[in-house]
Amino acid sequence: MDGGRQGKARSAQQGSINWPGTLLGGRPHSREDLRFHLRSRSAHELWLVIVDASASTRRHRALTDAKGLLAQLFDDAYRQRARMALLTASGPSPKWQVQGVKAAKSLAGWLEQLGAGGGTPLLAALAEAGQWLAARRKRYPAEQQRLLVITDGRLKDVAALPVLECPGLLVDIERGPIRLGRAQDLAVGLQLDYRHIDSM
């Protein structure tokens, strides 16, 4: 019987890699850091996703490709029974789409309707997310929190960033011949790992 369990473990390690889940846990340095698609997990996880959907993300299919990444992430969260929180930053103020609910296929409908426009209330979204995460940690201390920020980093000022105390990843979706490159500075300030979407 032990051999059967070990065989299942080996087959899981040989399955397809769950890249969104892997990157949300930090930059992988070895095979042991990779996460694979599994039907169940031993610990409860919360994935908080902050999406910059300001007008600047319309350029060069930036938001369109980000939606492809989000679709994969939502599918992985559903398969792994993770809880999702989703905060969009566009227009005059950030807006919560869901807060701590079990990932559901209904998120695909919201994703189809997601469009870019308006200003960039990303700093306000980050501050609000930090407060929400802190309150949730007190309520669910055993929950493993992960953060994904999708942005082109086109902010006027990245000073006075909130302390999120949550591991995660910033995905840079800035494209075009002239890039400001502020998303990488933002990732450093937030103490998040950094990846450009074209490298994923």
N, C-alpha and C. Protein backbone atom coordinates (compact mmCIF):
# COMPACT_ATOMS: atom_id res chain seq x y z
N MET A 1 0.82 -1.21 0.00
CA MET A 1 0.00 0.00 0.00
C MET A 1 0.86 1.26 0.00
N ASP A 2 1.98 1.21 0.73
CA ASP A 2 2.87 2.36 0.73
C ASP A 2 3.41 2.62 -0.66
N GLY A 3 3.69 1.51 -1.40
CA GLY A 3 4.20 1.67 -2.75
C GLY A 3 3.20 2.36 -3.65
N GLY A 4 1.88 2.10 -3.43
CA GLY A 4 0.86 2.76 -4.23
C GLY A 4 0.83 4.25 -3.99
N ARG A 5 0.94 4.64 -2.69
CA ARG A 5 0.93 6.06 -2.38
C ARG A 5 2.15 6.76 -2.96
N GLN A 6 3.31 6.07 -2.88
CA GLN A 6 4.52 6.66 -3.43
C GLN A 6 4.42 6.80 -4.94
N GLY A 7 3.75 5.83 -5.58
CA GLY A 7 3.58 5.90 -7.02
C GLY A 7 2.73 7.09 -7.41
N LYS A 8 1.66 7.35 -6.61
CA LYS A 8 0.81 8.51 -6.89
C LYS A 8 1.59 9.80 -6.72
N ALA A 9 2.44 9.85 -5.68
CA ALA A 9 3.23 11.05 -5.45
C ALA A 9 4.17 11.31 -6.61
N ARG A 10 4.80 10.20 -7.10
CA ARG A 10 5.72 10.36 -8.22
C ARG A 10 4.99 10.82 -9.47
N SER A 11 3.80 10.26 -9.72
CA SER A 11 3.06 10.65 -10.91
C SER A 11 2.61 12.09 -10.84
N ALA A 12 2.28 12.59 -9.61
CA ALA A 12 1.90 13.99 -9.46
C ALA A 12 3.06 14.90 -9.79
N GLN A 13 4.28 14.49 -9.38
CA GLN A 13 5.45 15.30 -9.65
C GLN A 13 5.82 15.29 -11.13
N GLN A 14 5.25 14.36 -11.88
CA GLN A 14 5.55 14.29 -13.31
C GLN A 14 4.43 14.91 -14.14
N GLY A 15 3.40 15.47 -13.50
CA GLY A 15 2.29 16.07 -14.21
C GLY A 15 2.65 17.45 -14.73
N SER A 16 1.63 18.16 -15.23
CA SER A 16 1.88 19.49 -15.79
C SER A 16 2.14 20.50 -14.68
N ILE A 17 3.02 21.43 -14.94
CA ILE A 17 3.41 22.43 -13.94
C ILE A 17 2.33 23.50 -13.84
N ASN A 18 1.98 23.84 -12.63
CA ASN A 18 1.03 24.91 -12.35
C ASN A 18 1.84 26.21 -12.23
N TRP A 19 2.04 26.90 -13.36
CA TRP A 19 2.90 28.08 -13.35
C TRP A 19 2.35 29.24 -12.53
N PRO A 20 1.06 29.60 -12.64
CA PRO A 20 0.56 30.68 -11.78
C PRO A 20 0.74 30.37 -10.30
N GLY A 21 0.40 29.14 -9.90
CA GLY A 21 0.57 28.77 -8.50
C GLY A 21 2.02 28.76 -8.07
N THR A 22 2.91 28.32 -8.97
CA THR A 22 4.34 28.31 -8.67
C THR A 22 4.85 29.72 -8.46
N LEU A 23 4.51 30.64 -9.37
CA LEU A 23 5.03 31.99 -9.30
C LEU A 23 4.44 32.77 -8.14
N LEU A 24 3.20 32.46 -7.76
CA LEU A 24 2.61 33.12 -6.60
C LEU A 24 3.33 32.73 -5.31
N GLY A 25 4.03 31.60 -5.34
CA GLY A 25 4.80 31.18 -4.18
C GLY A 25 6.22 31.71 -4.19
N GLY A 26 6.56 32.52 -5.19
CA GLY A 26 7.91 33.06 -5.30
C GLY A 26 8.64 32.48 -6.49
N ARG A 27 9.74 33.10 -6.87
CA ARG A 27 10.50 32.65 -8.03
C ARG A 27 11.09 31.27 -7.77
N PRO A 28 10.82 30.28 -8.64
CA PRO A 28 11.37 28.93 -8.43
C PRO A 28 12.87 28.89 -8.71
N HIS A 29 13.61 28.22 -7.82
CA HIS A 29 15.05 28.07 -7.99
C HIS A 29 15.45 26.63 -8.30
N SER A 30 14.56 25.69 -8.03
CA SER A 30 14.86 24.29 -8.30
C SER A 30 13.54 23.57 -8.56
N ARG A 31 13.62 22.31 -8.95
CA ARG A 31 12.41 21.54 -9.24
C ARG A 31 11.53 21.40 -8.00
N GLU A 32 12.15 21.40 -6.82
CA GLU A 32 11.38 21.28 -5.59
C GLU A 32 10.47 22.48 -5.36
N ASP A 33 10.77 23.62 -6.01
CA ASP A 33 9.96 24.82 -5.84
C ASP A 33 8.75 24.84 -6.77
N LEU A 34 8.70 23.92 -7.72
CA LEU A 34 7.60 23.90 -8.68
C LEU A 34 6.34 23.31 -8.06
N ARG A 35 5.20 23.84 -8.48
CA ARG A 35 3.91 23.28 -8.06
C ARG A 35 3.27 22.61 -9.27
N PHE A 36 2.60 21.51 -9.00
CA PHE A 36 1.96 20.75 -10.07
C PHE A 36 0.45 20.74 -9.86
N HIS A 37 -0.27 20.45 -10.92
CA HIS A 37 -1.73 20.43 -10.85
C HIS A 37 -2.19 19.26 -9.99
N LEU A 38 -2.85 19.58 -8.88
CA LEU A 38 -3.38 18.57 -7.98
C LEU A 38 -4.85 18.87 -7.72
N ARG A 39 -5.61 17.84 -7.41
CA ARG A 39 -7.03 18.03 -7.16
C ARG A 39 -7.31 18.52 -5.75
N SER A 40 -6.37 18.34 -4.82
CA SER A 40 -6.61 18.77 -3.45
C SER A 40 -5.32 19.31 -2.86
N ARG A 41 -5.46 20.14 -1.82
CA ARG A 41 -4.31 20.73 -1.15
C ARG A 41 -4.49 20.57 0.35
N SER A 42 -3.38 20.47 1.08
CA SER A 42 -3.45 20.23 2.51
C SER A 42 -3.76 21.50 3.29
N ALA A 43 -3.43 22.67 2.75
CA ALA A 43 -3.65 23.93 3.46
C ALA A 43 -4.56 24.83 2.65
N HIS A 44 -5.35 25.64 3.34
CA HIS A 44 -6.22 26.58 2.66
C HIS A 44 -5.39 27.74 2.13
N GLU A 45 -5.69 28.16 0.92
CA GLU A 45 -4.96 29.26 0.31
C GLU A 45 -5.93 30.34 -0.13
N LEU A 46 -5.46 31.58 -0.05
CA LEU A 46 -6.18 32.73 -0.58
C LEU A 46 -5.30 33.39 -1.63
N TRP A 47 -5.83 33.57 -2.81
CA TRP A 47 -5.11 34.27 -3.87
C TRP A 47 -5.78 35.62 -4.08
N LEU A 48 -5.05 36.68 -3.77
CA LEU A 48 -5.54 38.03 -4.00
C LEU A 48 -4.92 38.55 -5.29
N VAL A 49 -5.77 38.94 -6.22
CA VAL A 49 -5.32 39.44 -7.52
C VAL A 49 -5.74 40.90 -7.66
N ILE A 50 -4.77 41.76 -7.94
CA ILE A 50 -5.04 43.17 -8.19
C ILE A 50 -4.74 43.44 -9.66
N VAL A 51 -5.74 43.89 -10.40
CA VAL A 51 -5.61 44.10 -11.84
C VAL A 51 -5.67 45.59 -12.15
N ASP A 52 -4.60 46.11 -12.73
CA ASP A 52 -4.57 47.48 -13.23
C ASP A 52 -5.26 47.49 -14.59
N ALA A 53 -6.46 48.07 -14.64
CA ALA A 53 -7.22 48.13 -15.90
C ALA A 53 -7.40 49.57 -16.33
N SER A 54 -6.40 50.40 -16.09
CA SER A 54 -6.45 51.80 -16.49
C SER A 54 -6.29 51.92 -18.00
N ALA A 55 -6.53 53.12 -18.52
CA ALA A 55 -6.54 53.33 -19.96
C ALA A 55 -5.21 52.95 -20.62
N SER A 56 -4.10 53.15 -19.90
CA SER A 56 -2.79 52.87 -20.50
C SER A 56 -2.58 51.40 -20.81
N THR A 57 -3.34 50.50 -20.16
CA THR A 57 -3.15 49.07 -20.40
C THR A 57 -3.82 48.60 -21.69
N ARG A 58 -4.48 49.51 -22.42
CA ARG A 58 -5.02 49.16 -23.73
C ARG A 58 -3.91 49.00 -24.78
N ARG A 59 -2.78 49.62 -24.54
CA ARG A 59 -1.74 49.69 -25.56
C ARG A 59 -1.11 48.32 -25.81
N HIS A 60 -0.89 48.04 -27.09
CA HIS A 60 -0.13 46.86 -27.51
C HIS A 60 -0.67 45.56 -26.91
N ARG A 61 -1.99 45.44 -26.80
CA ARG A 61 -2.66 44.22 -26.34
C ARG A 61 -2.25 43.83 -24.92
N ALA A 62 -1.81 44.79 -24.13
CA ALA A 62 -1.32 44.47 -22.79
C ALA A 62 -2.40 43.81 -21.93
N LEU A 63 -3.56 44.46 -21.81
CA LEU A 63 -4.61 43.90 -20.97
C LEU A 63 -5.19 42.63 -21.58
N THR A 64 -5.25 42.57 -22.90
CA THR A 64 -5.77 41.37 -23.57
C THR A 64 -4.95 40.14 -23.19
N ASP A 65 -3.63 40.26 -23.24
CA ASP A 65 -2.78 39.14 -22.88
C ASP A 65 -2.83 38.86 -21.38
N ALA A 66 -3.00 39.90 -20.58
CA ALA A 66 -3.14 39.70 -19.14
C ALA A 66 -4.41 38.90 -18.83
N LYS A 67 -5.45 39.10 -19.62
CA LYS A 67 -6.69 38.35 -19.42
C LYS A 67 -6.47 36.86 -19.69
N GLY A 68 -5.58 36.54 -20.62
CA GLY A 68 -5.25 35.14 -20.85
C GLY A 68 -4.57 34.52 -19.65
N LEU A 69 -3.67 35.28 -19.02
CA LEU A 69 -3.00 34.80 -17.80
C LEU A 69 -4.01 34.63 -16.67
N LEU A 70 -4.93 35.58 -16.55
CA LEU A 70 -5.94 35.50 -15.50
C LEU A 70 -6.86 34.30 -15.70
N ALA A 71 -7.21 34.00 -16.94
CA ALA A 71 -8.06 32.84 -17.21
C ALA A 71 -7.40 31.56 -16.72
N GLN A 72 -6.11 31.44 -16.95
CA GLN A 72 -5.37 30.26 -16.48
C GLN A 72 -5.32 30.23 -14.96
N LEU A 73 -5.10 31.39 -14.36
CA LEU A 73 -5.04 31.48 -12.90
C LEU A 73 -6.38 31.09 -12.27
N PHE A 74 -7.48 31.59 -12.82
CA PHE A 74 -8.80 31.27 -12.28
C PHE A 74 -9.08 29.77 -12.38
N ASP A 75 -8.66 29.17 -13.49
CA ASP A 75 -8.86 27.74 -13.67
C ASP A 75 -8.05 26.95 -12.64
N ASP A 76 -6.81 27.37 -12.41
CA ASP A 76 -5.97 26.70 -11.41
C ASP A 76 -6.56 26.84 -10.01
N ALA A 77 -7.05 28.04 -9.69
CA ALA A 77 -7.64 28.27 -8.37
C ALA A 77 -8.87 27.40 -8.17
N TYR A 78 -9.66 27.25 -9.22
CA TYR A 78 -10.87 26.40 -9.15
C TYR A 78 -10.48 24.94 -8.92
N ARG A 79 -9.48 24.47 -9.64
CA ARG A 79 -9.04 23.08 -9.51
C ARG A 79 -8.46 22.80 -8.12
N GLN A 80 -7.78 23.78 -7.56
CA GLN A 80 -7.11 23.60 -6.28
C GLN A 80 -7.98 24.02 -5.10
N ARG A 81 -9.21 24.44 -5.39
CA ARG A 81 -10.16 24.84 -4.35
C ARG A 81 -9.63 26.00 -3.50
N ALA A 82 -8.87 26.86 -4.13
CA ALA A 82 -8.37 28.04 -3.43
C ALA A 82 -9.46 29.10 -3.35
N ARG A 83 -9.32 29.98 -2.39
CA ARG A 83 -10.23 31.12 -2.31
C ARG A 83 -9.63 32.29 -3.08
N MET A 84 -10.51 33.11 -3.65
CA MET A 84 -10.07 34.21 -4.50
C MET A 84 -10.56 35.54 -3.94
N ALA A 85 -9.73 36.55 -4.10
CA ALA A 85 -10.13 37.93 -3.90
C ALA A 85 -9.64 38.69 -5.12
N LEU A 86 -10.48 39.54 -5.65
CA LEU A 86 -10.16 40.20 -6.92
C LEU A 86 -10.49 41.68 -6.80
N LEU A 87 -9.47 42.51 -7.04
CA LEU A 87 -9.61 43.96 -6.90
C LEU A 87 -9.12 44.62 -8.18
N THR A 88 -9.98 45.41 -8.81
CA THR A 88 -9.59 46.10 -10.05
C THR A 88 -9.29 47.57 -9.76
N ALA A 89 -8.29 48.08 -10.48
CA ALA A 89 -7.87 49.47 -10.33
C ALA A 89 -8.07 50.19 -11.65
N SER A 90 -9.17 50.90 -11.77
CA SER A 90 -9.46 51.71 -12.95
C SER A 90 -10.52 52.73 -12.58
N GLY A 91 -10.60 53.80 -13.37
CA GLY A 91 -11.58 54.83 -13.06
C GLY A 91 -11.17 55.65 -11.85
N PRO A 92 -12.15 56.19 -11.13
CA PRO A 92 -11.83 57.07 -10.00
C PRO A 92 -11.34 56.35 -8.75
N SER A 93 -11.71 55.07 -8.57
CA SER A 93 -11.35 54.37 -7.34
C SER A 93 -11.32 52.86 -7.59
N PRO A 94 -10.57 52.11 -6.77
CA PRO A 94 -10.53 50.65 -6.93
C PRO A 94 -11.88 50.03 -6.58
N LYS A 95 -12.11 48.84 -7.12
CA LYS A 95 -13.39 48.17 -6.89
C LYS A 95 -13.17 46.69 -6.64
N TRP A 96 -13.74 46.18 -5.55
CA TRP A 96 -13.69 44.75 -5.27
C TRP A 96 -14.68 44.03 -6.17
N GLN A 97 -14.22 42.96 -6.79
CA GLN A 97 -15.11 42.11 -7.58
C GLN A 97 -15.59 40.92 -6.75
N VAL A 98 -14.66 40.27 -6.06
CA VAL A 98 -14.99 39.21 -5.10
C VAL A 98 -14.01 39.33 -3.94
N GLN A 99 -14.42 38.84 -2.77
CA GLN A 99 -13.57 38.91 -1.58
C GLN A 99 -13.60 37.58 -0.84
N GLY A 100 -12.55 36.79 -1.00
CA GLY A 100 -12.39 35.58 -0.22
C GLY A 100 -13.38 34.48 -0.50
N VAL A 101 -13.90 34.41 -1.72
CA VAL A 101 -14.86 33.36 -2.07
C VAL A 101 -14.13 32.20 -2.74
N LYS A 102 -14.75 31.04 -2.73
CA LYS A 102 -14.17 29.91 -3.44
C LYS A 102 -14.17 30.21 -4.94
N ALA A 103 -13.05 29.93 -5.57
CA ALA A 103 -12.93 30.19 -7.00
C ALA A 103 -14.03 29.44 -7.75
N ALA A 104 -14.69 30.13 -8.67
CA ALA A 104 -15.80 29.54 -9.41
C ALA A 104 -15.65 29.86 -10.89
N LYS A 105 -16.27 29.03 -11.71
CA LYS A 105 -16.19 29.24 -13.15
C LYS A 105 -16.90 30.52 -13.58
N SER A 106 -17.72 31.09 -12.70
CA SER A 106 -18.43 32.32 -13.03
C SER A 106 -17.47 33.50 -13.21
N LEU A 107 -16.24 33.37 -12.69
CA LEU A 107 -15.26 34.44 -12.87
C LEU A 107 -14.91 34.63 -14.35
N ALA A 108 -15.10 33.59 -15.15
CA ALA A 108 -14.81 33.69 -16.58
C ALA A 108 -15.71 34.73 -17.24
N GLY A 109 -16.97 34.81 -16.79
CA GLY A 109 -17.89 35.80 -17.34
C GLY A 109 -17.44 37.21 -17.04
N TRP A 110 -16.98 37.44 -15.80
CA TRP A 110 -16.47 38.77 -15.46
C TRP A 110 -15.24 39.10 -16.31
N LEU A 111 -14.39 38.12 -16.51
CA LEU A 111 -13.16 38.35 -17.25
C LEU A 111 -13.45 38.77 -18.69
N GLU A 112 -14.47 38.18 -19.29
CA GLU A 112 -14.82 38.54 -20.66
C GLU A 112 -15.24 40.00 -20.76
N GLN A 113 -15.87 40.52 -19.71
CA GLN A 113 -16.36 41.89 -19.73
C GLN A 113 -15.30 42.92 -19.31
N LEU A 114 -14.16 42.45 -18.82
CA LEU A 114 -13.14 43.36 -18.32
C LEU A 114 -12.56 44.21 -19.45
N GLY A 115 -12.62 45.51 -19.28
CA GLY A 115 -12.05 46.44 -20.25
C GLY A 115 -11.21 47.49 -19.54
N ALA A 116 -10.41 48.21 -20.31
CA ALA A 116 -9.53 49.23 -19.74
C ALA A 116 -10.12 50.62 -19.96
N GLY A 117 -9.87 51.50 -18.99
CA GLY A 117 -10.33 52.87 -19.13
C GLY A 117 -10.16 53.65 -17.85
N GLY A 118 -10.09 54.96 -17.98
CA GLY A 118 -10.02 55.82 -16.81
C GLY A 118 -8.63 55.94 -16.23
N GLY A 119 -8.58 56.39 -14.99
CA GLY A 119 -7.32 56.65 -14.32
C GLY A 119 -6.68 55.40 -13.76
N THR A 120 -5.68 55.63 -12.88
CA THR A 120 -4.92 54.51 -12.33
C THR A 120 -4.92 54.59 -10.81
N PRO A 121 -5.98 54.15 -10.15
CA PRO A 121 -6.01 54.18 -8.68
C PRO A 121 -5.30 52.97 -8.07
N LEU A 122 -4.13 52.62 -8.63
CA LEU A 122 -3.44 51.41 -8.18
C LEU A 122 -2.91 51.57 -6.76
N LEU A 123 -2.38 52.74 -6.42
CA LEU A 123 -1.86 52.93 -5.07
C LEU A 123 -2.98 52.82 -4.04
N ALA A 124 -4.15 53.35 -4.37
CA ALA A 124 -5.30 53.21 -3.48
C ALA A 124 -5.71 51.75 -3.35
N ALA A 125 -5.63 51.01 -4.45
CA ALA A 125 -5.97 49.59 -4.43
C ALA A 125 -5.00 48.81 -3.55
N LEU A 126 -3.71 49.13 -3.64
CA LEU A 126 -2.71 48.45 -2.83
C LEU A 126 -2.91 48.73 -1.35
N ALA A 127 -3.22 49.98 -1.02
CA ALA A 127 -3.46 50.34 0.38
C ALA A 127 -4.69 49.61 0.92
N GLU A 128 -5.75 49.57 0.12
CA GLU A 128 -6.97 48.89 0.55
C GLU A 128 -6.74 47.39 0.69
N ALA A 129 -5.96 46.83 -0.23
CA ALA A 129 -5.64 45.40 -0.16
C ALA A 129 -4.84 45.08 1.09
N GLY A 130 -3.88 45.94 1.44
CA GLY A 130 -3.08 45.71 2.63
C GLY A 130 -3.93 45.67 3.89
N GLN A 131 -4.88 46.58 4.00
CA GLN A 131 -5.77 46.60 5.17
C GLN A 131 -6.65 45.36 5.21
N TRP A 132 -7.15 44.96 4.04
CA TRP A 132 -8.03 43.79 3.98
C TRP A 132 -7.27 42.51 4.33
N LEU A 133 -6.04 42.38 3.83
CA LEU A 133 -5.24 41.20 4.13
C LEU A 133 -4.91 41.11 5.62
N ALA A 134 -4.57 42.25 6.22
CA ALA A 134 -4.24 42.26 7.65
C ALA A 134 -5.43 41.83 8.49
N ALA A 135 -6.62 42.33 8.15
CA ALA A 135 -7.82 41.95 8.89
C ALA A 135 -8.13 40.47 8.69
N ARG A 136 -7.90 39.97 7.49
CA ARG A 136 -8.20 38.56 7.21
C ARG A 136 -7.21 37.64 7.93
N ARG A 137 -5.95 38.06 8.05
CA ARG A 137 -4.97 37.24 8.77
C ARG A 137 -5.38 37.05 10.23
N LYS A 138 -5.97 38.07 10.83
CA LYS A 138 -6.43 37.94 12.21
C LYS A 138 -7.59 36.96 12.31
N ARG A 139 -8.43 36.96 11.28
CA ARG A 139 -9.61 36.09 11.29
C ARG A 139 -9.27 34.66 10.91
N TYR A 140 -8.33 34.49 9.96
CA TYR A 140 -7.93 33.16 9.49
C TYR A 140 -6.41 33.04 9.56
N PRO A 141 -5.84 32.87 10.74
CA PRO A 141 -4.37 32.87 10.89
C PRO A 141 -3.67 31.72 10.17
N ALA A 142 -4.37 30.62 9.91
CA ALA A 142 -3.73 29.47 9.25
C ALA A 142 -3.77 29.56 7.73
N GLU A 143 -4.49 30.52 7.21
CA GLU A 143 -4.64 30.65 5.76
C GLU A 143 -3.34 31.14 5.13
N GLN A 144 -2.98 30.55 4.00
CA GLN A 144 -1.79 30.97 3.26
C GLN A 144 -2.20 31.99 2.20
N GLN A 145 -1.71 33.20 2.35
CA GLN A 145 -2.07 34.28 1.43
C GLN A 145 -1.02 34.44 0.35
N ARG A 146 -1.49 34.67 -0.87
CA ARG A 146 -0.61 34.93 -2.01
C ARG A 146 -1.17 36.13 -2.77
N LEU A 147 -0.27 36.93 -3.33
CA LEU A 147 -0.67 38.15 -4.01
C LEU A 147 -0.15 38.16 -5.44
N LEU A 148 -1.01 38.55 -6.36
CA LEU A 148 -0.62 38.75 -7.76
C LEU A 148 -1.06 40.15 -8.17
N VAL A 149 -0.11 40.97 -8.61
CA VAL A 149 -0.40 42.32 -9.09
C VAL A 149 -0.08 42.37 -10.58
N ILE A 150 -1.06 42.76 -11.38
CA ILE A 150 -0.87 42.88 -12.83
C ILE A 150 -0.99 44.35 -13.20
N THR A 151 0.10 44.94 -13.70
CA THR A 151 0.12 46.37 -13.98
C THR A 151 1.18 46.72 -15.01
N ASP A 152 1.01 47.87 -15.66
CA ASP A 152 2.06 48.37 -16.54
C ASP A 152 2.98 49.34 -15.79
N GLY A 153 2.67 49.59 -14.53
CA GLY A 153 3.54 50.42 -13.69
C GLY A 153 3.55 51.89 -14.03
N ARG A 154 2.63 52.34 -14.86
CA ARG A 154 2.64 53.75 -15.28
C ARG A 154 1.97 54.63 -14.23
N LEU A 155 2.70 54.83 -13.15
CA LEU A 155 2.25 55.68 -12.05
C LEU A 155 3.13 56.91 -11.97
N LYS A 156 2.56 58.01 -11.53
CA LYS A 156 3.35 59.23 -11.40
C LYS A 156 4.33 59.14 -10.24
N ASP A 157 3.96 58.40 -9.21
CA ASP A 157 4.80 58.33 -8.02
C ASP A 157 4.64 56.97 -7.37
N VAL A 158 5.75 56.32 -7.03
CA VAL A 158 5.69 55.02 -6.36
C VAL A 158 6.22 55.13 -4.93
N ALA A 159 6.23 56.35 -4.40
CA ALA A 159 6.67 56.55 -3.02
C ALA A 159 5.52 56.21 -2.06
N ALA A 160 5.87 56.04 -0.81
CA ALA A 160 4.88 55.78 0.26
C ALA A 160 4.01 54.56 -0.06
N LEU A 161 4.66 53.48 -0.46
CA LEU A 161 3.92 52.26 -0.75
C LEU A 161 3.50 51.57 0.54
N PRO A 162 2.35 50.91 0.54
CA PRO A 162 1.91 50.21 1.75
C PRO A 162 2.75 48.96 2.01
N VAL A 163 2.77 48.52 3.26
CA VAL A 163 3.42 47.27 3.63
C VAL A 163 2.37 46.17 3.58
N LEU A 164 2.53 45.25 2.64
CA LEU A 164 1.50 44.23 2.42
C LEU A 164 1.73 42.97 3.24
N GLU A 165 2.97 42.67 3.58
CA GLU A 165 3.31 41.47 4.35
C GLU A 165 2.69 40.22 3.74
N CYS A 166 2.79 40.12 2.42
CA CYS A 166 2.21 38.99 1.71
C CYS A 166 3.12 38.63 0.54
N PRO A 167 3.59 37.40 0.46
CA PRO A 167 4.45 37.02 -0.67
C PRO A 167 3.66 37.00 -1.97
N GLY A 168 4.34 37.23 -3.06
CA GLY A 168 3.63 37.20 -4.33
C GLY A 168 4.47 37.65 -5.49
N LEU A 169 3.78 38.02 -6.54
CA LEU A 169 4.41 38.30 -7.83
C LEU A 169 3.77 39.52 -8.47
N LEU A 170 4.59 40.37 -9.06
CA LEU A 170 4.10 41.46 -9.90
C LEU A 170 4.40 41.12 -11.35
N VAL A 171 3.36 41.11 -12.17
CA VAL A 171 3.51 40.84 -13.60
C VAL A 171 3.42 42.17 -14.34
N ASP A 172 4.50 42.50 -15.03
CA ASP A 172 4.61 43.75 -15.77
C ASP A 172 4.01 43.55 -17.17
N ILE A 173 2.98 44.35 -17.51
CA ILE A 173 2.35 44.22 -18.83
C ILE A 173 2.65 45.44 -19.71
N GLU A 174 3.64 46.24 -19.32
CA GLU A 174 3.99 47.40 -20.15
C GLU A 174 4.66 46.93 -21.44
N ARG A 175 4.22 47.49 -22.55
CA ARG A 175 4.78 47.16 -23.85
C ARG A 175 4.96 48.42 -24.68
N GLY A 176 5.61 48.25 -25.83
CA GLY A 176 5.79 49.38 -26.72
C GLY A 176 7.25 49.75 -26.85
N PRO A 177 7.57 50.58 -27.85
CA PRO A 177 8.97 50.97 -28.08
C PRO A 177 9.55 51.82 -26.96
N ILE A 178 8.70 52.58 -26.27
CA ILE A 178 9.17 53.42 -25.17
C ILE A 178 8.53 52.91 -23.88
N ARG A 179 9.36 52.38 -23.00
CA ARG A 179 8.87 51.84 -21.73
C ARG A 179 9.47 52.62 -20.57
N LEU A 180 8.62 52.97 -19.63
CA LEU A 180 9.08 53.71 -18.46
C LEU A 180 9.79 52.80 -17.45
N GLY A 181 9.42 51.53 -17.44
CA GLY A 181 10.09 50.57 -16.56
C GLY A 181 9.82 50.75 -15.08
N ARG A 182 8.70 51.37 -14.74
CA ARG A 182 8.42 51.63 -13.33
C ARG A 182 7.86 50.41 -12.60
N ALA A 183 7.36 49.44 -13.34
CA ALA A 183 6.77 48.27 -12.68
C ALA A 183 7.81 47.51 -11.87
N GLN A 184 9.03 47.46 -12.36
CA GLN A 184 10.08 46.75 -11.63
C GLN A 184 10.41 47.47 -10.32
N ASP A 185 10.43 48.81 -10.35
CA ASP A 185 10.65 49.57 -9.12
C ASP A 185 9.49 49.34 -8.14
N LEU A 186 8.29 49.24 -8.69
CA LEU A 186 7.12 49.00 -7.86
C LEU A 186 7.22 47.64 -7.18
N ALA A 187 7.67 46.63 -7.92
CA ALA A 187 7.83 45.30 -7.34
C ALA A 187 8.84 45.31 -6.20
N VAL A 188 9.94 46.03 -6.39
CA VAL A 188 10.96 46.13 -5.34
C VAL A 188 10.37 46.80 -4.10
N GLY A 189 9.63 47.89 -4.31
CA GLY A 189 9.04 48.60 -3.19
C GLY A 189 8.02 47.78 -2.42
N LEU A 190 7.31 46.91 -3.13
CA LEU A 190 6.30 46.06 -2.50
C LEU A 190 6.87 44.73 -2.01
N GLN A 191 8.16 44.51 -2.28
CA GLN A 191 8.84 43.26 -1.90
C GLN A 191 8.17 42.05 -2.56
N LEU A 192 7.87 42.20 -3.85
CA LEU A 192 7.28 41.13 -4.64
C LEU A 192 8.27 40.67 -5.70
N ASP A 193 8.16 39.42 -6.11
CA ASP A 193 8.94 38.96 -7.25
C ASP A 193 8.42 39.66 -8.50
N TYR A 194 9.27 39.74 -9.51
CA TYR A 194 8.93 40.48 -10.73
C TYR A 194 9.10 39.58 -11.96
N ARG A 195 8.11 39.65 -12.86
CA ARG A 195 8.22 39.00 -14.16
C ARG A 195 7.52 39.86 -15.19
N HIS A 196 8.09 39.94 -16.40
CA HIS A 196 7.37 40.58 -17.49
C HIS A 196 6.50 39.53 -18.16
N ILE A 197 5.32 39.93 -18.60
CA ILE A 197 4.38 38.96 -19.14
C ILE A 197 4.94 38.23 -20.36
N ASP A 198 5.82 38.87 -21.12
CA ASP A 198 6.38 38.23 -22.30
C ASP A 198 7.34 37.10 -21.95
N SER A 199 7.76 37.02 -20.70
CA SER A 199 8.68 35.95 -20.28
C SER A 199 7.94 34.78 -19.64
N MET A 200 6.61 34.84 -19.62
CA MET A 200 5.84 33.80 -18.95
C MET A 200 5.22 32.84 -19.97
